[in-house]
Amino acid sequence: MSDAKPAYRVRFTKAARRDLNEHALFIAVQEHHPDPGLDWHAKAYDEALKLDFMPSRCVLATGYESLPYPIRRLVHHNHLILFTIDEEAKTVYVLAIVHGARLPRPGELHPSIDRVRRDTGE
């Protein structure tokens, strides 16, 4: 394993953190035990953190073309981790985590990259 520094920082919006928690809770309730939900949460979070290296390897997400910044998607099981890349700041912003069967809802994402930055505490 390399000791190289990650090329990008990965930041989560409040909505993305809420999505992680809500999906994990849903899975735990469905399974009648917290372990599957906690396991899904940990793995989804770890997958998102891996966007620190070559985030542009992920394809553009369809249905979000109306936003002024490109949205990419990383598939995690049957969920999509939606994110954008700020090349100038070398930061990946995880915007939302949605079920893959759900139709795109661009109105639920921030209308500008400045709002994304503020939502992550920058």
PDB file of N, CA and C in Angstrom:
ATOM      1  N   MET A   1       0.847  -1.182   0.000  1.00  0.00           N
ATOM      2  CA  MET A   1       0.000   0.000   0.000  1.00  0.00           C
ATOM      3  C   MET A   1       0.890   1.242   0.000  1.00  0.00           C
ATOM      4  N   SER A   2       0.490   2.236  -0.699  1.00  0.00           N
ATOM      5  CA  SER A   2       1.278   3.456  -0.846  1.00  0.00           C
ATOM      6  C   SER A   2       1.070   4.389   0.343  1.00  0.00           C
ATOM      7  N   ASP A   3       2.119   5.152   0.672  1.00  0.00           N
ATOM      8  CA  ASP A   3       2.028   6.160   1.720  1.00  0.00           C
ATOM      9  C   ASP A   3       1.740   7.540   1.137  1.00  0.00           C
ATOM     10  N   ALA A   4       1.379   7.587  -0.140  1.00  0.00           N
ATOM     11  CA  ALA A   4       1.118   8.865  -0.799  1.00  0.00           C
ATOM     12  C   ALA A   4      -0.099   9.537  -0.183  1.00  0.00           C
ATOM     13  N   LYS A   5      -0.045  10.861  -0.130  1.00  0.00           N
ATOM     14  CA  LYS A   5      -1.184  11.634   0.370  1.00  0.00           C
ATOM     15  C   LYS A   5      -2.336  11.544  -0.619  1.00  0.00           C
ATOM     16  N   PRO A   6      -3.562  11.561  -0.104  1.00  0.00           N
ATOM     17  CA  PRO A   6      -4.710  11.580  -1.023  1.00  0.00           C
ATOM     18  C   PRO A   6      -4.673  12.854  -1.867  1.00  0.00           C
ATOM     19  N   ALA A   7      -5.146  12.731  -3.082  1.00  0.00           N
ATOM     20  CA  ALA A   7      -5.152  13.879  -3.989  1.00  0.00           C
ATOM     21  C   ALA A   7      -6.290  14.845  -3.660  1.00  0.00           C
ATOM     22  N   TYR A   8      -7.360  14.338  -3.055  1.00  0.00           N
ATOM     23  CA  TYR A   8      -8.548  15.148  -2.768  1.00  0.00           C
ATOM     24  C   TYR A   8      -8.987  14.938  -1.320  1.00  0.00           C
ATOM     25  N   ARG A   9      -9.566  15.984  -0.752  1.00  0.00           N
ATOM     26  CA  ARG A   9     -10.266  15.842   0.529  1.00  0.00           C
ATOM     27  C   ARG A   9     -11.683  15.417   0.216  1.00  0.00           C
ATOM     28  N   VAL A  10     -12.294  14.655   1.097  1.00  0.00           N
ATOM     29  CA  VAL A  10     -13.687  14.247   0.932  1.00  0.00           C
ATOM     30  C   VAL A  10     -14.485  14.873   2.070  1.00  0.00           C
ATOM     31  N   ARG A  11     -15.508  15.641   1.711  1.00  0.00           N
ATOM     32  CA  ARG A  11     -16.369  16.323   2.686  1.00  0.00           C
ATOM     33  C   ARG A  11     -17.810  15.887   2.440  1.00  0.00           C
ATOM     34  N   PHE A  12     -18.567  15.722   3.507  1.00  0.00           N
ATOM     35  CA  PHE A  12     -19.973  15.312   3.427  1.00  0.00           C
ATOM     36  C   PHE A  12     -20.871  16.497   3.753  1.00  0.00           C
ATOM     37  N   THR A  13     -21.896  16.709   2.935  1.00  0.00           N
ATOM     38  CA  THR A  13     -22.899  17.710   3.284  1.00  0.00           C
ATOM     39  C   THR A  13     -23.758  17.149   4.415  1.00  0.00           C
ATOM     40  N   LYS A  14     -24.504  18.029   5.052  1.00  0.00           N
ATOM     41  CA  LYS A  14     -25.426  17.589   6.111  1.00  0.00           C
ATOM     42  C   LYS A  14     -26.443  16.596   5.544  1.00  0.00           C
ATOM     43  N   ALA A  15     -26.896  16.853   4.332  1.00  0.00           N
ATOM     44  CA  ALA A  15     -27.875  15.958   3.699  1.00  0.00           C
ATOM     45  C   ALA A  15     -27.288  14.570   3.478  1.00  0.00           C
ATOM     46  N   ALA A  16     -26.035  14.488   3.054  1.00  0.00           N
ATOM     47  CA  ALA A  16     -25.399  13.190   2.826  1.00  0.00           C
ATOM     48  C   ALA A  16     -25.248  12.420   4.136  1.00  0.00           C
ATOM     49  N   ARG A  17     -24.875  13.120   5.201  1.00  0.00           N
ATOM     50  CA  ARG A  17     -24.766  12.460   6.515  1.00  0.00           C
ATOM     51  C   ARG A  17     -26.143  11.963   6.978  1.00  0.00           C
ATOM     52  N   ARG A  18     -27.164  12.770   6.753  1.00  0.00           N
ATOM     53  CA  ARG A  18     -28.521  12.370   7.114  1.00  0.00           C
ATOM     54  C   ARG A  18     -28.942  11.140   6.297  1.00  0.00           C
ATOM     55  N   ASP A  19     -28.634  11.151   5.010  1.00  0.00           N
ATOM     56  CA  ASP A  19     -28.966  10.008   4.159  1.00  0.00           C
ATOM     57  C   ASP A  19     -28.296   8.731   4.663  1.00  0.00           C
ATOM     58  N   LEU A  20     -27.024   8.817   5.022  1.00  0.00           N
ATOM     59  CA  LEU A  20     -26.313   7.645   5.561  1.00  0.00           C
ATOM     60  C   LEU A  20     -27.061   7.075   6.762  1.00  0.00           C
ATOM     61  N   ASN A  21     -27.403   7.957   7.684  1.00  0.00           N
ATOM     62  CA  ASN A  21     -28.076   7.511   8.903  1.00  0.00           C
ATOM     63  C   ASN A  21     -29.467   6.949   8.621  1.00  0.00           C
ATOM     64  N   GLU A  22     -30.221   7.605   7.753  1.00  0.00           N
ATOM     65  CA  GLU A  22     -31.578   7.153   7.456  1.00  0.00           C
ATOM     66  C   GLU A  22     -31.588   5.803   6.741  1.00  0.00           C
ATOM     67  N   HIS A  23     -30.687   5.624   5.783  1.00  0.00           N
ATOM     68  CA  HIS A  23     -30.628   4.339   5.077  1.00  0.00           C
ATOM     69  C   HIS A  23     -30.198   3.221   6.024  1.00  0.00           C
ATOM     70  N   ALA A  24     -29.236   3.499   6.894  1.00  0.00           N
ATOM     71  CA  ALA A  24     -28.787   2.488   7.858  1.00  0.00           C
ATOM     72  C   ALA A  24     -29.917   2.106   8.805  1.00  0.00           C
ATOM     73  N   LEU A  25     -30.677   3.088   9.263  1.00  0.00           N
ATOM     74  CA  LEU A  25     -31.806   2.816  10.147  1.00  0.00           C
ATOM     75  C   LEU A  25     -32.863   1.977   9.437  1.00  0.00           C
ATOM     76  N   PHE A  26     -33.159   2.329   8.189  1.00  0.00           N
ATOM     77  CA  PHE A  26     -34.141   1.573   7.417  1.00  0.00           C
ATOM     78  C   PHE A  26     -33.719   0.109   7.299  1.00  0.00           C
ATOM     79  N   ILE A  27     -32.446  -0.120   6.985  1.00  0.00           N
ATOM     80  CA  ILE A  27     -31.940  -1.493   6.844  1.00  0.00           C
ATOM     81  C   ILE A  27     -32.037  -2.229   8.179  1.00  0.00           C
ATOM     82  N   ALA A  28     -31.679  -1.570   9.265  1.00  0.00           N
ATOM     83  CA  ALA A  28     -31.747  -2.201  10.581  1.00  0.00           C
ATOM     84  C   ALA A  28     -33.182  -2.586  10.935  1.00  0.00           C
ATOM     85  N   VAL A  29     -34.124  -1.707  10.626  1.00  0.00           N
ATOM     86  CA  VAL A  29     -35.535  -1.996  10.921  1.00  0.00           C
ATOM     87  C   VAL A  29     -36.015  -3.167  10.065  1.00  0.00           C
ATOM     88  N   GLN A  30     -35.659  -3.152   8.784  1.00  0.00           N
ATOM     89  CA  GLN A  30     -36.073  -4.235   7.883  1.00  0.00           C
ATOM     90  C   GLN A  30     -35.542  -5.584   8.359  1.00  0.00           C
ATOM     91  N   GLU A  31     -34.323  -5.584   8.868  1.00  0.00           N
ATOM     92  CA  GLU A  31     -33.671  -6.832   9.288  1.00  0.00           C
ATOM     93  C   GLU A  31     -33.955  -7.181  10.748  1.00  0.00           C
ATOM     94  N   HIS A  32     -34.648  -6.295  11.453  1.00  0.00           N
ATOM     95  CA  HIS A  32     -34.975  -6.503  12.875  1.00  0.00           C
ATOM     96  C   HIS A  32     -33.728  -6.671  13.742  1.00  0.00           C
ATOM     97  N   HIS A  33     -32.642  -6.054  13.316  1.00  0.00           N
ATOM     98  CA  HIS A  33     -31.397  -6.106  14.088  1.00  0.00           C
ATOM     99  C   HIS A  33     -30.509  -4.955  13.619  1.00  0.00           C
ATOM    100  N   PRO A  34     -29.780  -4.302  14.535  1.00  0.00           N
ATOM    101  CA  PRO A  34     -28.984  -3.137  14.129  1.00  0.00           C
ATOM    102  C   PRO A  34     -27.736  -3.466  13.307  1.00  0.00           C
ATOM    103  N   ASP A  35     -27.211  -4.678  13.433  1.00  0.00           N
ATOM    104  CA  ASP A  35     -25.925  -4.981  12.781  1.00  0.00           C
ATOM    105  C   ASP A  35     -25.909  -4.772  11.264  1.00  0.00           C
ATOM    106  N   PRO A  36     -26.910  -5.245  10.514  1.00  0.00           N
ATOM    107  CA  PRO A  36     -26.864  -5.007   9.058  1.00  0.00           C
ATOM    108  C   PRO A  36     -26.857  -3.518   8.705  1.00  0.00           C
ATOM    109  N   GLY A  37     -27.618  -2.723   9.452  1.00  0.00           N
ATOM    110  CA  GLY A  37     -27.637  -1.283   9.194  1.00  0.00           C
ATOM    111  C   GLY A  37     -26.308  -0.628   9.512  1.00  0.00           C
ATOM    112  N   LEU A  38     -25.719  -1.012  10.631  1.00  0.00           N
ATOM    113  CA  LEU A  38     -24.406  -0.466  11.004  1.00  0.00           C
ATOM    114  C   LEU A  38     -23.332  -0.878  10.005  1.00  0.00           C
ATOM    115  N   ASP A  39     -23.411  -2.122   9.545  1.00  0.00           N
ATOM    116  CA  ASP A  39     -22.447  -2.619   8.558  1.00  0.00           C
ATOM    117  C   ASP A  39     -22.577  -1.853   7.246  1.00  0.00           C
ATOM    118  N   TRP A  40     -23.825  -1.649   6.780  1.00  0.00           N
ATOM    119  CA  TRP A  40     -24.037  -0.897   5.540  1.00  0.00           C
ATOM    120  C   TRP A  40     -23.496   0.521   5.692  1.00  0.00           C
ATOM    121  N   HIS A  41     -23.779   1.174   6.827  1.00  0.00           N
ATOM    122  CA  HIS A  41     -23.323   2.542   7.084  1.00  0.00           C
ATOM    123  C   HIS A  41     -21.806   2.625   6.989  1.00  0.00           C
ATOM    124  N   ALA A  42     -21.114   1.717   7.665  1.00  0.00           N
ATOM    125  CA  ALA A  42     -19.646   1.733   7.673  1.00  0.00           C
ATOM    126  C   ALA A  42     -19.080   1.527   6.267  1.00  0.00           C
ATOM    127  N   LYS A  43     -19.655   0.598   5.533  1.00  0.00           N
ATOM    128  CA  LYS A  43     -19.148   0.311   4.182  1.00  0.00           C
ATOM    129  C   LYS A  43     -19.449   1.450   3.211  1.00  0.00           C
ATOM    130  N   ALA A  44     -20.628   2.043   3.298  1.00  0.00           N
ATOM    131  CA  ALA A  44     -20.968   3.176   2.421  1.00  0.00           C
ATOM    132  C   ALA A  44     -20.060   4.359   2.717  1.00  0.00           C
ATOM    133  N   TYR A  45     -19.832   4.616   3.995  1.00  0.00           N
ATOM    134  CA  TYR A  45     -18.951   5.723   4.399  1.00  0.00           C
ATOM    135  C   TYR A  45     -17.535   5.485   3.881  1.00  0.00           C
ATOM    136  N   ASP A  46     -17.040   4.262   4.044  1.00  0.00           N
ATOM    137  CA  ASP A  46     -15.691   3.929   3.560  1.00  0.00           C
ATOM    138  C   ASP A  46     -15.591   4.070   2.041  1.00  0.00           C
ATOM    139  N   GLU A  47     -16.632   3.642   1.331  1.00  0.00           N
ATOM    140  CA  GLU A  47     -16.627   3.783  -0.133  1.00  0.00           C
ATOM    141  C   GLU A  47     -16.542   5.249  -0.522  1.00  0.00           C
ATOM    142  N   ALA A  48     -17.300   6.085   0.153  1.00  0.00           N
ATOM    143  CA  ALA A  48     -17.268   7.522  -0.153  1.00  0.00           C
ATOM    144  C   ALA A  48     -15.896   8.100   0.132  1.00  0.00           C
ATOM    145  N   LEU A  49     -15.256   7.674   1.199  1.00  0.00           N
ATOM    146  CA  LEU A  49     -13.917   8.182   1.523  1.00  0.00           C
ATOM    147  C   LEU A  49     -12.885   7.809   0.463  1.00  0.00           C
ATOM    148  N   LYS A  50     -13.123   6.719  -0.253  1.00  0.00           N
ATOM    149  CA  LYS A  50     -12.204   6.296  -1.319  1.00  0.00           C
ATOM    150  C   LYS A  50     -12.233   7.241  -2.519  1.00  0.00           C
ATOM    151  N   LEU A  51     -13.180   8.185  -2.511  1.00  0.00           N
ATOM    152  CA  LEU A  51     -13.221   9.180  -3.581  1.00  0.00           C
ATOM    153  C   LEU A  51     -12.061  10.162  -3.477  1.00  0.00           C
ATOM    154  N   ASP A  52     -11.215  10.015  -2.457  1.00  0.00           N
ATOM    155  CA  ASP A  52     -10.036  10.878  -2.333  1.00  0.00           C
ATOM    156  C   ASP A  52      -9.020  10.595  -3.432  1.00  0.00           C
ATOM    157  N   PHE A  53      -9.164   9.464  -4.108  1.00  0.00           N
ATOM    158  CA  PHE A  53      -8.247   9.085  -5.172  1.00  0.00           C
ATOM    159  C   PHE A  53      -9.025   8.891  -6.472  1.00  0.00           C
ATOM    160  N   MET A  54      -8.682   9.661  -7.458  1.00  0.00           N
ATOM    161  CA  MET A  54      -9.274   9.583  -8.795  1.00  0.00           C
ATOM    162  C   MET A  54     -10.804   9.618  -8.786  1.00  0.00           C
ATOM    163  N   PRO A  55     -11.414  10.625  -8.195  1.00  0.00           N
ATOM    164  CA  PRO A  55     -12.883  10.663  -8.166  1.00  0.00           C
ATOM    165  C   PRO A  55     -13.514  10.774  -9.552  1.00  0.00           C
ATOM    166  N   SER A  56     -12.775  11.275 -10.511  1.00  0.00           N
ATOM    167  CA  SER A  56     -13.339  11.427 -11.860  1.00  0.00           C
ATOM    168  C   SER A  56     -13.476  10.080 -12.575  1.00  0.00           C
ATOM    169  N   ARG A  57     -13.044   9.000 -11.922  1.00  0.00           N
ATOM    170  CA  ARG A  57     -13.240   7.664 -12.502  1.00  0.00           C
ATOM    171  C   ARG A  57     -14.721   7.290 -12.542  1.00  0.00           C
ATOM    172  N   CYS A  58     -15.519   7.973 -11.711  1.00  0.00           N
ATOM    173  CA  CYS A  58     -16.956   7.706 -11.639  1.00  0.00           C
ATOM    174  C   CYS A  58     -17.687   8.493 -12.729  1.00  0.00           C
ATOM    175  N   VAL A  59     -18.727   7.897 -13.243  1.00  0.00           N
ATOM    176  CA  VAL A  59     -19.460   8.506 -14.352  1.00  0.00           C
ATOM    177  C   VAL A  59     -20.342   9.650 -13.867  1.00  0.00           C
ATOM    178  N   LEU A  60     -20.708  10.511 -14.802  1.00  0.00           N
ATOM    179  CA  LEU A  60     -21.662  11.578 -14.504  1.00  0.00           C
ATOM    180  C   LEU A  60     -23.032  10.966 -14.253  1.00  0.00           C
ATOM    181  N   ALA A  61     -23.729  11.500 -13.272  1.00  0.00           N
ATOM    182  CA  ALA A  61     -25.073  11.027 -12.945  1.00  0.00           C
ATOM    183  C   ALA A  61     -26.069  11.682 -13.892  1.00  0.00           C
ATOM    184  N   THR A  62     -26.940  10.891 -14.468  1.00  0.00           N
ATOM    185  CA  THR A  62     -27.951  11.438 -15.364  1.00  0.00           C
ATOM    186  C   THR A  62     -29.108  12.013 -14.548  1.00  0.00           C
ATOM    187  N   GLY A  63     -29.728  13.038 -15.103  1.00  0.00           N
ATOM    188  CA  GLY A  63     -30.876  13.649 -14.470  1.00  0.00           C
ATOM    189  C   GLY A  63     -30.543  14.891 -13.662  1.00  0.00           C
ATOM    190  N   TYR A  64     -29.271  15.232 -13.582  1.00  0.00           N
ATOM    191  CA  TYR A  64     -28.848  16.390 -12.785  1.00  0.00           C
ATOM    192  C   TYR A  64     -28.178  17.466 -13.652  1.00  0.00           C
ATOM    193  N   GLU A  65     -28.406  17.401 -14.949  1.00  0.00           N
ATOM    194  CA  GLU A  65     -27.755  18.314 -15.880  1.00  0.00           C
ATOM    195  C   GLU A  65     -28.174  19.767 -15.681  1.00  0.00           C
ATOM    196  N   SER A  66     -29.288  20.003 -15.021  1.00  0.00           N
ATOM    197  CA  SER A  66     -29.762  21.377 -14.828  1.00  0.00           C
ATOM    198  C   SER A  66     -28.966  22.122 -13.753  1.00  0.00           C
ATOM    199  N   LEU A  67     -28.192  21.403 -12.959  1.00  0.00           N
ATOM    200  CA  LEU A  67     -27.382  22.057 -11.929  1.00  0.00           C
ATOM    201  C   LEU A  67     -26.149  22.707 -12.557  1.00  0.00           C
ATOM    202  N   PRO A  68     -25.644  23.783 -11.954  1.00  0.00           N
ATOM    203  CA  PRO A  68     -24.506  24.490 -12.542  1.00  0.00           C
ATOM    204  C   PRO A  68     -23.156  23.824 -12.287  1.00  0.00           C
ATOM    205  N   TYR A  69     -23.158  22.671 -11.662  1.00  0.00           N
ATOM    206  CA  TYR A  69     -21.914  21.914 -11.433  1.00  0.00           C
ATOM    207  C   TYR A  69     -22.209  20.445 -11.734  1.00  0.00           C
ATOM    208  N   PRO A  70     -21.214  19.700 -12.238  1.00  0.00           N
ATOM    209  CA  PRO A  70     -21.472  18.308 -12.611  1.00  0.00           C
ATOM    210  C   PRO A  70     -21.626  17.403 -11.387  1.00  0.00           C
ATOM    211  N   ILE A  71     -22.574  16.485 -11.465  1.00  0.00           N
ATOM    212  CA  ILE A  71     -22.821  15.504 -10.416  1.00  0.00           C
ATOM    213  C   ILE A  71     -22.338  14.149 -10.935  1.00  0.00           C
ATOM    214  N   ARG A  72     -21.537  13.494 -10.140  1.00  0.00           N
ATOM    215  CA  ARG A  72     -21.060  12.148 -10.464  1.00  0.00           C
ATOM    216  C   ARG A  72     -21.703  11.165  -9.489  1.00  0.00           C
ATOM    217  N   ARG A  73     -21.614   9.881  -9.856  1.00  0.00           N
ATOM    218  CA  ARG A  73     -22.198   8.873  -8.982  1.00  0.00           C
ATOM    219  C   ARG A  73     -21.239   7.698  -8.792  1.00  0.00           C
ATOM    220  N   LEU A  74     -21.243   7.206  -7.572  1.00  0.00           N
ATOM    221  CA  LEU A  74     -20.510   6.004  -7.211  1.00  0.00           C
ATOM    222  C   LEU A  74     -21.548   5.003  -6.739  1.00  0.00           C
ATOM    223  N   VAL A  75     -21.553   3.821  -7.319  1.00  0.00           N
ATOM    224  CA  VAL A  75     -22.537   2.805  -6.954  1.00  0.00           C
ATOM    225  C   VAL A  75     -22.034   2.049  -5.730  1.00  0.00           C
ATOM    226  N   HIS A  76     -22.898   1.972  -4.721  1.00  0.00           N
ATOM    227  CA  HIS A  76     -22.625   1.164  -3.529  1.00  0.00           C
ATOM    228  C   HIS A  76     -23.830   0.267  -3.318  1.00  0.00           C
ATOM    229  N   HIS A  77     -23.681  -1.015  -3.653  1.00  0.00           N
ATOM    230  CA  HIS A  77     -24.785  -1.979  -3.635  1.00  0.00           C
ATOM    231  C   HIS A  77     -25.926  -1.401  -4.469  1.00  0.00           C
ATOM    232  N   ASN A  78     -27.090  -1.175  -3.889  1.00  0.00           N
ATOM    233  CA  ASN A  78     -28.208  -0.640  -4.681  1.00  0.00           C
ATOM    234  C   ASN A  78     -28.437   0.842  -4.396  1.00  0.00           C
ATOM    235  N   HIS A  79     -27.410   1.522  -3.922  1.00  0.00           N
ATOM    236  CA  HIS A  79     -27.479   2.962  -3.654  1.00  0.00           C
ATOM    237  C   HIS A  79     -26.472   3.717  -4.524  1.00  0.00           C
ATOM    238  N   LEU A  80     -26.756   4.989  -4.729  1.00  0.00           N
ATOM    239  CA  LEU A  80     -25.854   5.860  -5.471  1.00  0.00           C
ATOM    240  C   LEU A  80     -25.321   6.927  -4.513  1.00  0.00           C
ATOM    241  N   ILE A  81     -24.021   7.065  -4.486  1.00  0.00           N
ATOM    242  CA  ILE A  81     -23.380   8.136  -3.733  1.00  0.00           C
ATOM    243  C   ILE A  81     -23.172   9.265  -4.730  1.00  0.00           C
ATOM    244  N   LEU A  82     -23.909  10.346  -4.565  1.00  0.00           N
ATOM    245  CA  LEU A  82     -23.849  11.479  -5.490  1.00  0.00           C
ATOM    246  C   LEU A  82     -22.855  12.501  -4.957  1.00  0.00           C
ATOM    247  N   PHE A  83     -21.985  12.973  -5.835  1.00  0.00           N
ATOM    248  CA  PHE A  83     -20.939  13.896  -5.411  1.00  0.00           C
ATOM    249  C   PHE A  83     -20.524  14.813  -6.541  1.00  0.00           C
ATOM    250  N   THR A  84     -19.802  15.853  -6.178  1.00  0.00           N
ATOM    251  CA  THR A  84     -19.219  16.750  -7.163  1.00  0.00           C
ATOM    252  C   THR A  84     -17.757  16.974  -6.785  1.00  0.00           C
ATOM    253  N   ILE A  85     -16.979  17.366  -7.750  1.00  0.00           N
ATOM    254  CA  ILE A  85     -15.543  17.582  -7.540  1.00  0.00           C
ATOM    255  C   ILE A  85     -15.235  19.058  -7.729  1.00  0.00           C
ATOM    256  N   ASP A  86     -14.595  19.651  -6.746  1.00  0.00           N
ATOM    257  CA  ASP A  86     -14.107  21.021  -6.849  1.00  0.00           C
ATOM    258  C   ASP A  86     -12.604  20.916  -7.114  1.00  0.00           C
ATOM    259  N   GLU A  87     -12.235  21.004  -8.377  1.00  0.00           N
ATOM    260  CA  GLU A  87     -10.827  20.823  -8.765  1.00  0.00           C
ATOM    261  C   GLU A  87      -9.934  21.899  -8.162  1.00  0.00           C
ATOM    262  N   GLU A  88     -10.436  23.120  -8.106  1.00  0.00           N
ATOM    263  CA  GLU A  88      -9.637  24.226  -7.569  1.00  0.00           C
ATOM    264  C   GLU A  88      -9.276  23.987  -6.101  1.00  0.00           C
ATOM    265  N   ALA A  89     -10.224  23.504  -5.326  1.00  0.00           N
ATOM    266  CA  ALA A  89      -9.994  23.253  -3.896  1.00  0.00           C
ATOM    267  C   ALA A  89      -9.500  21.827  -3.634  1.00  0.00           C
ATOM    268  N   LYS A  90      -9.431  21.002  -4.686  1.00  0.00           N
ATOM    269  CA  LYS A  90      -9.048  19.595  -4.551  1.00  0.00           C
ATOM    270  C   LYS A  90      -9.909  18.916  -3.479  1.00  0.00           C
ATOM    271  N   THR A  91     -11.235  19.121  -3.618  1.00  0.00           N
ATOM    272  CA  THR A  91     -12.184  18.590  -2.647  1.00  0.00           C
ATOM    273  C   THR A  91     -13.324  17.884  -3.372  1.00  0.00           C
ATOM    274  N   VAL A  92     -13.703  16.739  -2.843  1.00  0.00           N
ATOM    275  CA  VAL A  92     -14.887  16.017  -3.292  1.00  0.00           C
ATOM    276  C   VAL A  92     -15.973  16.286  -2.266  1.00  0.00           C
ATOM    277  N   TYR A  93     -17.129  16.740  -2.732  1.00  0.00           N
ATOM    278  CA  TYR A  93     -18.265  16.995  -1.859  1.00  0.00           C
ATOM    279  C   TYR A  93     -19.303  15.908  -2.088  1.00  0.00           C
ATOM    280  N   VAL A  94     -19.528  15.087  -1.069  1.00  0.00           N
ATOM    281  CA  VAL A  94     -20.584  14.080  -1.133  1.00  0.00           C
ATOM    282  C   VAL A  94     -21.883  14.808  -0.830  1.00  0.00           C
ATOM    283  N   LEU A  95     -22.799  14.787  -1.788  1.00  0.00           N
ATOM    284  CA  LEU A  95     -24.026  15.578  -1.713  1.00  0.00           C
ATOM    285  C   LEU A  95     -25.214  14.808  -1.179  1.00  0.00           C
ATOM    286  N   ALA A  96     -25.326  13.549  -1.568  1.00  0.00           N
ATOM    287  CA  ALA A  96     -26.488  12.753  -1.180  1.00  0.00           C
ATOM    288  C   ALA A  96     -26.185  11.280  -1.422  1.00  0.00           C
ATOM    289  N   ILE A  97     -26.955  10.445  -0.767  1.00  0.00           N
ATOM    290  CA  ILE A  97     -26.906   9.007  -0.995  1.00  0.00           C
ATOM    291  C   ILE A  97     -28.347   8.582  -1.197  1.00  0.00           C
ATOM    292  N   VAL A  98     -28.636   8.070  -2.393  1.00  0.00           N
ATOM    293  CA  VAL A  98     -30.017   7.752  -2.751  1.00  0.00           C
ATOM    294  C   VAL A  98     -30.116   6.306  -3.218  1.00  0.00           C
ATOM    295  N   HIS A  99     -31.302   5.744  -3.082  1.00  0.00           N
ATOM    296  CA  HIS A  99     -31.534   4.400  -3.591  1.00  0.00           C
ATOM    297  C   HIS A  99     -31.458   4.454  -5.107  1.00  0.00           C
ATOM    298  N   GLY A 100     -30.862   3.460  -5.701  1.00  0.00           N
ATOM    299  CA  GLY A 100     -30.657   3.440  -7.148  1.00  0.00           C
ATOM    300  C   GLY A 100     -31.928   3.420  -7.964  1.00  0.00           C
ATOM    301  N   ALA A 101     -33.032   2.953  -7.386  1.00  0.00           N
ATOM    302  CA  ALA A 101     -34.297   2.903  -8.123  1.00  0.00           C
ATOM    303  C   ALA A 101     -35.030   4.240  -8.107  1.00  0.00           C
ATOM    304  N   ARG A 102     -34.560   5.161  -7.295  1.00  0.00           N
ATOM    305  CA  ARG A 102     -35.230   6.461  -7.172  1.00  0.00           C
ATOM    306  C   ARG A 102     -34.909   7.351  -8.369  1.00  0.00           C
ATOM    307  N   LEU A 103     -35.894   8.059  -8.837  1.00  0.00           N
ATOM    308  CA  LEU A 103     -35.672   8.988  -9.937  1.00  0.00           C
ATOM    309  C   LEU A 103     -34.853  10.189  -9.454  1.00  0.00           C
ATOM    310  N   PRO A 104     -34.055  10.787 -10.336  1.00  0.00           N
ATOM    311  CA  PRO A 104     -33.277  11.972  -9.951  1.00  0.00           C
ATOM    312  C   PRO A 104     -34.176  13.108  -9.484  1.00  0.00           C
ATOM    313  N   ARG A 105     -33.718  13.821  -8.463  1.00  0.00           N
ATOM    314  CA  ARG A 105     -34.428  14.988  -7.938  1.00  0.00           C
ATOM    315  C   ARG A 105     -33.422  16.124  -7.764  1.00  0.00           C
ATOM    316  N   PRO A 106     -33.050  16.785  -8.862  1.00  0.00           N
ATOM    317  CA  PRO A 106     -32.027  17.824  -8.766  1.00  0.00           C
ATOM    318  C   PRO A 106     -32.409  18.967  -7.843  1.00  0.00           C
ATOM    319  N   GLY A 107     -33.688  19.195  -7.626  1.00  0.00           N
ATOM    320  CA  GLY A 107     -34.122  20.269  -6.745  1.00  0.00           C
ATOM    321  C   GLY A 107     -33.745  20.040  -5.291  1.00  0.00           C
ATOM    322  N   GLU A 108     -33.393  18.809  -4.931  1.00  0.00           N
ATOM    323  CA  GLU A 108     -33.006  18.498  -3.566  1.00  0.00           C
ATOM    324  C   GLU A 108     -31.523  18.797  -3.303  1.00  0.00           C
ATOM    325  N   LEU A 109     -30.771  19.043  -4.357  1.00  0.00           N
ATOM    326  CA  LEU A 109     -29.350  19.342  -4.196  1.00  0.00           C
ATOM    327  C   LEU A 109     -29.132  20.849  -4.202  1.00  0.00           C
ATOM    328  N   HIS A 110     -28.026  21.288  -3.656  1.00  0.00           N
ATOM    329  CA  HIS A 110     -27.735  22.715  -3.571  1.00  0.00           C
ATOM    330  C   HIS A 110     -27.631  23.346  -4.962  1.00  0.00           C
ATOM    331  N   PRO A 111     -28.188  24.548  -5.124  1.00  0.00           N
ATOM    332  CA  PRO A 111     -28.187  25.194  -6.437  1.00  0.00           C
ATOM    333  C   PRO A 111     -26.840  25.774  -6.833  1.00  0.00           C
ATOM    334  N   SER A 112     -25.866  25.844  -5.918  1.00  0.00           N
ATOM    335  CA  SER A 112     -24.547  26.382  -6.286  1.00  0.00           C
ATOM    336  C   SER A 112     -23.468  25.692  -5.472  1.00  0.00           C
ATOM    337  N   ILE A 113     -22.262  25.696  -6.006  1.00  0.00           N
ATOM    338  CA  ILE A 113     -21.131  25.080  -5.312  1.00  0.00           C
ATOM    339  C   ILE A 113     -20.807  25.849  -4.035  1.00  0.00           C
ATOM    340  N   ASP A 114     -21.075  27.142  -4.012  1.00  0.00           N
ATOM    341  CA  ASP A 114     -20.849  27.924  -2.793  1.00  0.00           C
ATOM    342  C   ASP A 114     -21.746  27.430  -1.658  1.00  0.00           C
ATOM    343  N   ARG A 115     -22.991  27.106  -1.967  1.00  0.00           N
ATOM    344  CA  ARG A 115     -23.900  26.563  -0.945  1.00  0.00           C
ATOM    345  C   ARG A 115     -23.421  25.198  -0.471  1.00  0.00           C
ATOM    346  N   VAL A 116     -22.862  24.410  -1.384  1.00  0.00           N
ATOM    347  CA  VAL A 116     -22.307  23.108  -1.001  1.00  0.00           C
ATOM    348  C   VAL A 116     -21.174  23.302  -0.001  1.00  0.00           C
ATOM    349  N   ARG A 117     -20.272  24.220  -0.318  1.00  0.00           N
ATOM    350  CA  ARG A 117     -19.135  24.480   0.577  1.00  0.00           C
ATOM    351  C   ARG A 117     -19.620  24.903   1.959  1.00  0.00           C
ATOM    352  N   ARG A 118     -20.580  25.805   1.997  1.00  0.00           N
ATOM    353  CA  ARG A 118     -21.103  26.278   3.295  1.00  0.00           C
ATOM    354  C   ARG A 118     -21.755  25.151   4.081  1.00  0.00           C
ATOM    355  N   ASP A 119     -22.445  24.257   3.396  1.00  0.00           N
ATOM    356  CA  ASP A 119     -23.137  23.165   4.063  1.00  0.00           C
ATOM    357  C   ASP A 119     -22.167  22.167   4.690  1.00  0.00           C
ATOM    358  N   THR A 120     -20.949  22.117   4.205  1.00  0.00           N
ATOM    359  CA  THR A 120     -19.958  21.208   4.795  1.00  0.00           C
ATOM    360  C   THR A 120     -19.105  21.898   5.831  1.00  0.00           C
ATOM    361  N   GLY A 121     -19.399  23.175   6.096  1.00  0.00           N
ATOM    362  CA  GLY A 121     -18.663  23.900   7.137  1.00  0.00           C
ATOM    363  C   GLY A 121     -17.440  24.621   6.653  1.00  0.00           C
ATOM    364  N   GLU A 122     -17.275  24.747   5.350  1.00  0.00           N
ATOM    365  CA  GLU A 122     -16.095  25.473   4.830  1.00  0.00           C
ATOM    366  C   GLU A 122     -16.379  26.949   4.730  1.00  0.00           C
TER     367      GLU A 122
END
